[in-house]
N, C-alpha and C. Protein backbone atom coordinates (compact mmCIF):
# COMPACT_ATOMS: atom_id res chain seq x y z
N MET A 1 0.85 -1.17 -0.12
CA MET A 1 0.05 0.05 -0.07
C MET A 1 0.87 1.22 0.02
N ILE A 2 0.56 2.27 -0.81
CA ILE A 2 1.50 3.31 -0.96
C ILE A 2 0.77 4.55 -0.15
N GLY A 3 1.48 5.16 0.54
CA GLY A 3 0.87 6.16 1.50
C GLY A 3 0.85 7.36 0.76
N VAL A 4 -0.03 8.24 1.23
CA VAL A 4 -0.20 9.71 0.60
C VAL A 4 0.92 10.69 1.29
N ILE A 5 1.63 11.29 0.46
CA ILE A 5 2.54 12.37 0.92
C ILE A 5 1.85 13.67 1.03
N VAL A 6 1.77 14.27 2.23
CA VAL A 6 1.10 15.57 2.33
C VAL A 6 2.07 16.58 2.17
N LEU A 7 1.82 17.67 1.18
CA LEU A 7 2.59 18.60 0.82
C LEU A 7 2.44 19.84 1.68
N PHE A 8 1.23 20.06 1.97
CA PHE A 8 0.88 21.08 2.75
C PHE A 8 -0.37 21.17 3.47
N GLU A 9 -0.74 21.79 4.35
CA GLU A 9 -2.00 22.05 4.92
C GLU A 9 -2.41 23.42 4.63
N PHE A 10 -3.90 23.83 4.54
CA PHE A 10 -4.30 24.96 4.25
C PHE A 10 -5.37 25.29 5.26
N GLU A 11 -5.45 26.39 5.97
CA GLU A 11 -6.50 26.91 6.88
C GLU A 11 -6.86 28.24 6.52
N ASP A 12 -8.43 28.51 6.33
CA ASP A 12 -8.75 29.83 5.88
C ASP A 12 -9.28 30.39 7.36
N LEU A 13 -8.59 31.24 8.09
CA LEU A 13 -8.81 31.73 9.38
C LEU A 13 -9.45 33.28 9.16
N ASP A 14 -9.91 33.89 10.15
CA ASP A 14 -10.46 35.09 9.98
C ASP A 14 -9.86 36.30 9.36
N ASN A 15 -8.54 36.43 9.78
CA ASN A 15 -7.89 37.67 9.29
C ASN A 15 -6.62 37.12 8.20
N TYR A 16 -6.33 35.88 8.01
CA TYR A 16 -5.42 35.52 7.09
C TYR A 16 -5.71 34.04 6.74
N TYR A 17 -4.89 33.47 5.75
CA TYR A 17 -4.75 32.18 5.19
C TYR A 17 -3.54 31.60 5.74
N LEU A 18 -3.61 30.48 6.41
CA LEU A 18 -2.26 29.84 7.08
C LEU A 18 -2.07 28.75 6.17
N VAL A 19 -0.69 28.65 5.49
CA VAL A 19 -0.33 27.47 4.83
C VAL A 19 0.95 26.72 5.61
N LYS A 20 0.87 25.51 5.81
CA LYS A 20 1.85 24.78 6.43
C LYS A 20 2.52 24.07 5.38
N ILE A 21 3.75 24.07 5.14
CA ILE A 21 4.39 23.18 4.24
C ILE A 21 5.32 22.25 4.61
N PHE A 22 5.28 20.82 4.21
CA PHE A 22 5.91 19.79 4.65
C PHE A 22 7.03 19.38 3.78
N GLY A 23 8.25 19.03 4.21
CA GLY A 23 9.20 18.33 3.49
C GLY A 23 10.07 19.22 2.58
N ASP A 24 10.57 18.79 1.26
CA ASP A 24 11.19 19.80 0.33
C ASP A 24 10.36 20.43 -0.53
N PHE A 25 10.73 21.83 -0.68
CA PHE A 25 9.90 22.66 -1.50
C PHE A 25 10.70 22.66 -2.62
N ASP A 26 10.68 21.93 -3.69
CA ASP A 26 11.43 22.09 -4.71
C ASP A 26 10.97 21.78 -6.06
N VAL A 27 11.63 21.65 -7.23
CA VAL A 27 11.10 21.54 -8.69
C VAL A 27 10.01 20.44 -8.52
N LEU A 28 10.16 19.25 -7.74
CA LEU A 28 9.30 18.37 -7.85
C LEU A 28 7.74 18.62 -7.40
N ASN A 29 7.73 19.63 -6.53
CA ASN A 29 6.33 19.91 -6.00
C ASN A 29 5.99 20.98 -5.85
N SER A 30 6.83 22.05 -6.30
CA SER A 30 6.42 23.66 -6.04
C SER A 30 5.48 24.12 -7.01
N GLY A 31 5.31 23.47 -8.19
CA GLY A 31 4.10 23.83 -8.96
C GLY A 31 2.82 23.49 -8.49
N GLU A 32 2.90 22.15 -7.95
CA GLU A 32 1.73 21.69 -7.25
C GLU A 32 1.14 22.46 -6.12
N ILE A 33 2.18 22.88 -5.24
CA ILE A 33 1.86 23.68 -4.17
C ILE A 33 1.44 25.04 -4.36
N LYS A 34 2.02 25.62 -5.40
CA LYS A 34 1.43 26.83 -5.92
C LYS A 34 0.10 26.83 -6.42
N ASN A 35 -0.06 25.86 -7.39
CA ASN A 35 -1.50 25.82 -7.95
C ASN A 35 -2.62 25.50 -6.84
N LYS A 36 -2.27 24.59 -5.95
CA LYS A 36 -3.33 24.37 -4.94
C LYS A 36 -3.41 25.53 -3.87
N ILE A 37 -2.62 26.35 -3.72
CA ILE A 37 -2.75 27.38 -2.72
C ILE A 37 -3.61 28.51 -3.59
N LEU A 38 -3.21 28.67 -4.94
CA LEU A 38 -4.03 29.66 -5.49
C LEU A 38 -5.37 29.14 -5.84
N GLU A 39 -5.62 27.91 -6.01
CA GLU A 39 -6.99 27.37 -6.13
C GLU A 39 -7.76 27.60 -4.58
N LYS A 40 -7.20 27.60 -3.63
CA LYS A 40 -7.88 27.73 -2.28
C LYS A 40 -8.10 29.18 -2.16
N VAL A 41 -7.26 30.14 -2.70
CA VAL A 41 -7.64 31.57 -2.41
C VAL A 41 -8.25 32.03 -3.70
N SER A 42 -8.70 31.34 -4.75
CA SER A 42 -9.36 31.67 -5.82
C SER A 42 -8.50 32.75 -6.56
N ASP A 43 -7.18 32.74 -6.83
CA ASP A 43 -6.16 33.52 -7.52
C ASP A 43 -6.43 34.87 -7.11
N VAL A 44 -7.24 35.28 -6.16
CA VAL A 44 -7.19 36.58 -5.45
C VAL A 44 -6.86 36.43 -3.87
N VAL A 45 -5.99 37.09 -3.70
CA VAL A 45 -5.53 36.96 -2.15
C VAL A 45 -6.46 37.98 -1.42
N SER A 46 -7.28 37.70 -0.67
CA SER A 46 -8.05 38.66 -0.04
C SER A 46 -7.65 38.90 1.49
N LYS A 47 -6.85 38.12 1.94
CA LYS A 47 -6.23 38.16 3.31
C LYS A 47 -4.88 38.10 3.21
N ASP A 48 -3.99 38.32 4.32
CA ASP A 48 -2.61 38.10 4.33
C ASP A 48 -2.37 36.71 4.26
N LEU A 49 -1.18 36.20 3.54
CA LEU A 49 -1.05 34.81 3.37
C LEU A 49 0.04 34.38 4.46
N VAL A 50 -0.05 33.47 5.41
CA VAL A 50 1.03 33.32 6.28
C VAL A 50 1.46 31.74 6.09
N ILE A 51 2.78 31.60 5.80
CA ILE A 51 3.20 30.25 5.43
C ILE A 51 4.22 29.92 6.53
N ASP A 52 3.99 28.70 7.06
CA ASP A 52 4.87 28.17 8.05
C ASP A 52 6.01 27.27 7.39
N LEU A 53 7.22 27.41 7.56
CA LEU A 53 8.29 26.72 6.91
C LEU A 53 8.91 25.89 7.88
N THR A 54 8.30 25.76 9.03
CA THR A 54 9.05 24.89 10.20
C THR A 54 9.21 23.55 9.86
N ASN A 55 8.44 22.88 9.07
CA ASN A 55 8.67 21.38 8.51
C ASN A 55 9.39 21.47 7.18
N VAL A 56 9.84 22.39 6.69
CA VAL A 56 10.54 22.30 5.40
C VAL A 56 12.06 22.44 5.69
N SER A 57 12.71 21.28 5.15
CA SER A 57 14.20 21.14 5.20
C SER A 57 14.98 21.72 4.01
N TYR A 58 14.39 21.95 2.82
CA TYR A 58 15.09 22.33 1.74
C TYR A 58 14.13 23.21 0.80
N ILE A 59 14.50 24.22 0.09
CA ILE A 59 13.98 25.07 -0.89
C ILE A 59 15.05 25.22 -1.91
N ASP A 60 14.63 24.87 -3.04
CA ASP A 60 15.43 25.37 -4.32
C ASP A 60 14.81 26.36 -5.07
N SER A 61 15.32 26.72 -6.07
CA SER A 61 14.98 28.08 -6.82
C SER A 61 13.58 28.13 -7.37
N SER A 62 12.99 26.83 -7.46
CA SER A 62 11.57 26.84 -8.06
C SER A 62 10.69 27.18 -6.75
N GLY A 63 11.07 26.60 -5.57
CA GLY A 63 10.28 27.05 -4.36
C GLY A 63 10.50 28.44 -4.11
N LEU A 64 11.70 29.07 -4.26
CA LEU A 64 11.90 30.61 -3.98
C LEU A 64 10.96 31.28 -4.96
N GLY A 65 11.06 30.70 -6.25
CA GLY A 65 9.99 31.60 -7.28
C GLY A 65 8.84 31.45 -6.92
N VAL A 66 8.04 30.28 -6.49
CA VAL A 66 6.88 30.32 -5.87
C VAL A 66 6.70 31.32 -4.62
N LEU A 67 7.45 31.42 -3.97
CA LEU A 67 7.19 32.43 -2.68
C LEU A 67 7.29 33.77 -3.22
N ILE A 68 8.22 34.02 -4.22
CA ILE A 68 8.27 35.55 -4.81
C ILE A 68 6.99 35.77 -5.66
N GLY A 69 6.35 34.83 -6.13
CA GLY A 69 5.29 35.03 -7.05
C GLY A 69 4.03 35.30 -6.16
N LEU A 70 4.07 34.40 -4.94
CA LEU A 70 2.93 34.67 -4.02
C LEU A 70 2.94 36.17 -3.44
N HIS A 71 4.28 36.52 -3.26
CA HIS A 71 4.52 37.86 -2.63
C HIS A 71 3.82 39.06 -3.46
N LYS A 72 4.35 38.91 -4.81
CA LYS A 72 3.92 39.83 -5.77
C LYS A 72 2.36 39.92 -5.74
N GLN A 73 1.71 38.49 -5.85
CA GLN A 73 0.21 38.49 -5.90
C GLN A 73 -0.41 39.12 -4.76
N CYS A 74 0.33 39.10 -3.61
CA CYS A 74 -0.42 39.48 -2.34
C CYS A 74 -0.38 41.13 -2.33
N LYS A 75 0.77 41.55 -2.83
CA LYS A 75 1.19 42.97 -2.81
C LYS A 75 0.10 43.65 -3.64
N LEU A 76 -0.10 43.00 -5.09
CA LEU A 76 -1.06 43.56 -5.98
C LEU A 76 -2.40 43.81 -5.28
N ASN A 77 -2.83 42.94 -4.51
CA ASN A 77 -4.12 42.90 -3.70
C ASN A 77 -4.18 43.61 -2.49
N GLY A 78 -3.08 44.21 -2.03
CA GLY A 78 -2.83 45.14 -0.92
C GLY A 78 -2.90 44.26 0.36
N ARG A 79 -2.25 42.99 -0.02
CA ARG A 79 -2.08 42.19 1.42
C ARG A 79 -0.53 41.63 1.33
N ARG A 80 -0.27 41.04 2.44
CA ARG A 80 1.17 40.80 2.58
C ARG A 80 1.30 39.09 2.73
N LEU A 81 2.44 38.66 2.23
CA LEU A 81 2.95 37.16 2.42
C LEU A 81 3.82 37.35 3.87
N LYS A 82 3.56 36.52 4.48
CA LYS A 82 4.40 36.51 5.71
C LYS A 82 5.05 34.89 5.82
N LEU A 83 6.21 34.80 6.23
CA LEU A 83 6.89 33.45 6.42
C LEU A 83 7.43 33.48 7.88
N PHE A 84 7.39 32.32 8.36
CA PHE A 84 7.88 32.13 9.69
C PHE A 84 8.33 30.54 9.69
N GLY A 85 9.29 30.34 10.66
CA GLY A 85 9.67 29.10 10.92
C GLY A 85 10.81 28.50 10.05
N LEU A 86 11.52 29.51 9.71
CA LEU A 86 12.84 28.97 8.87
C LEU A 86 14.02 28.29 9.83
N ASN A 87 14.52 27.33 9.42
CA ASN A 87 15.63 26.58 10.10
C ASN A 87 17.00 27.62 9.67
N LYS A 88 18.11 27.16 10.17
CA LYS A 88 19.37 27.96 9.91
C LYS A 88 19.75 27.87 8.49
N GLN A 89 19.59 26.71 7.73
CA GLN A 89 19.81 26.68 6.49
C GLN A 89 19.04 27.44 5.65
N LEU A 90 17.74 27.60 5.87
CA LEU A 90 16.85 28.35 5.17
C LEU A 90 17.12 29.86 5.51
N GLU A 91 17.40 30.32 6.47
CA GLU A 91 17.66 31.57 6.96
C GLU A 91 18.95 31.88 6.15
N GLU A 92 19.98 31.09 6.00
CA GLU A 92 21.24 31.30 5.23
C GLU A 92 20.90 31.68 3.70
N LEU A 93 20.00 30.67 3.12
CA LEU A 93 19.60 30.95 1.80
C LEU A 93 18.93 32.13 1.36
N PHE A 94 17.94 32.56 2.31
CA PHE A 94 17.27 33.75 2.04
C PHE A 94 18.14 35.00 2.35
N SER A 95 19.28 34.89 3.07
CA SER A 95 20.25 36.07 3.41
C SER A 95 20.91 35.86 2.18
N LEU A 96 21.47 35.01 1.58
CA LEU A 96 22.44 34.92 0.57
C LEU A 96 21.72 35.39 -0.78
N THR A 97 20.37 35.28 -0.81
CA THR A 97 19.78 35.59 -1.97
C THR A 97 19.01 36.94 -2.05
N SER A 98 19.27 37.80 -0.83
CA SER A 98 18.70 38.87 -0.31
C SER A 98 17.17 38.96 -0.28
N LEU A 99 16.57 37.51 -0.23
CA LEU A 99 15.19 37.72 0.01
C LEU A 99 14.76 38.01 1.39
N ASP A 100 15.69 37.95 2.34
CA ASP A 100 15.28 38.29 3.59
C ASP A 100 14.94 39.95 3.60
N LYS A 101 15.39 40.58 2.57
CA LYS A 101 15.12 42.22 2.29
C LYS A 101 13.88 42.45 1.74
N ILE A 102 13.39 41.36 0.97
CA ILE A 102 12.11 41.54 0.19
C ILE A 102 10.91 41.05 0.78
N LEU A 103 10.97 39.79 1.34
CA LEU A 103 10.03 38.97 1.85
C LEU A 103 9.93 39.43 3.44
N ASN A 104 8.55 39.20 3.78
CA ASN A 104 8.36 39.54 5.34
C ASN A 104 8.51 38.26 6.02
N ILE A 105 9.70 38.10 6.93
CA ILE A 105 9.97 36.84 7.58
C ILE A 105 9.96 37.29 9.02
N TYR A 106 9.47 36.27 9.72
CA TYR A 106 9.11 36.28 11.24
C TYR A 106 9.66 35.04 11.92
N ASN A 107 10.09 35.23 13.17
CA ASN A 107 10.56 34.12 14.04
C ASN A 107 9.38 33.13 14.26
N THR A 108 8.44 33.59 14.81
CA THR A 108 7.16 32.76 15.12
C THR A 108 5.92 33.03 14.56
N PHE A 109 4.94 32.09 14.41
CA PHE A 109 3.59 32.20 14.09
C PHE A 109 3.08 33.56 14.78
N GLU A 110 3.05 33.79 15.95
CA GLU A 110 2.52 34.70 16.90
C GLU A 110 3.16 36.26 16.25
N ASP A 111 4.40 36.29 16.05
CA ASP A 111 4.93 37.46 15.57
C ASP A 111 4.43 37.74 14.06
N ALA A 112 4.13 36.67 13.11
CA ALA A 112 3.63 36.83 11.91
C ALA A 112 2.26 37.38 11.87
N ILE A 113 1.35 37.00 12.81
CA ILE A 113 0.09 37.45 12.83
C ILE A 113 -0.40 38.70 13.57
N LYS A 114 0.81 39.10 14.18
CA LYS A 114 0.55 40.36 14.97
C LYS A 114 0.01 41.51 14.21
N LYS A 115 -0.90 42.24 14.58
CA LYS A 115 -1.35 43.51 13.93
C LYS A 115 -0.19 44.42 13.98
N GLU A 116 0.09 45.03 12.72
CA GLU A 116 1.04 46.08 12.42
C GLU A 116 0.43 47.34 12.89
N GLU A 117 1.19 48.22 13.55
CA GLU A 117 0.42 49.46 14.02
C GLU A 117 0.74 50.49 13.01
């Protein structure tokens, strides 16, 4: 029997969408993750999109491209993409690519959902 691999979980909460990604976020699954997220938010992001990367061990350029695309789509709709839960390797990757200066990265879920004054 073949088990089902869960790539992500999606929750539609009051003020934001929460997406939890699991495993590697790479060329093998980034397209599917992007399509399913856009399907859930109907291609129009009406709330902030909060992505939990706690359970992601690896991101390649296609995964980064998905995050950049989601960031742009959120921005076009007056919303924000917020990331949290990066491990040390992901923090280094985001720093090396300067995406830590472009994307909204937080240490914890609580920090990510905090209302900005």
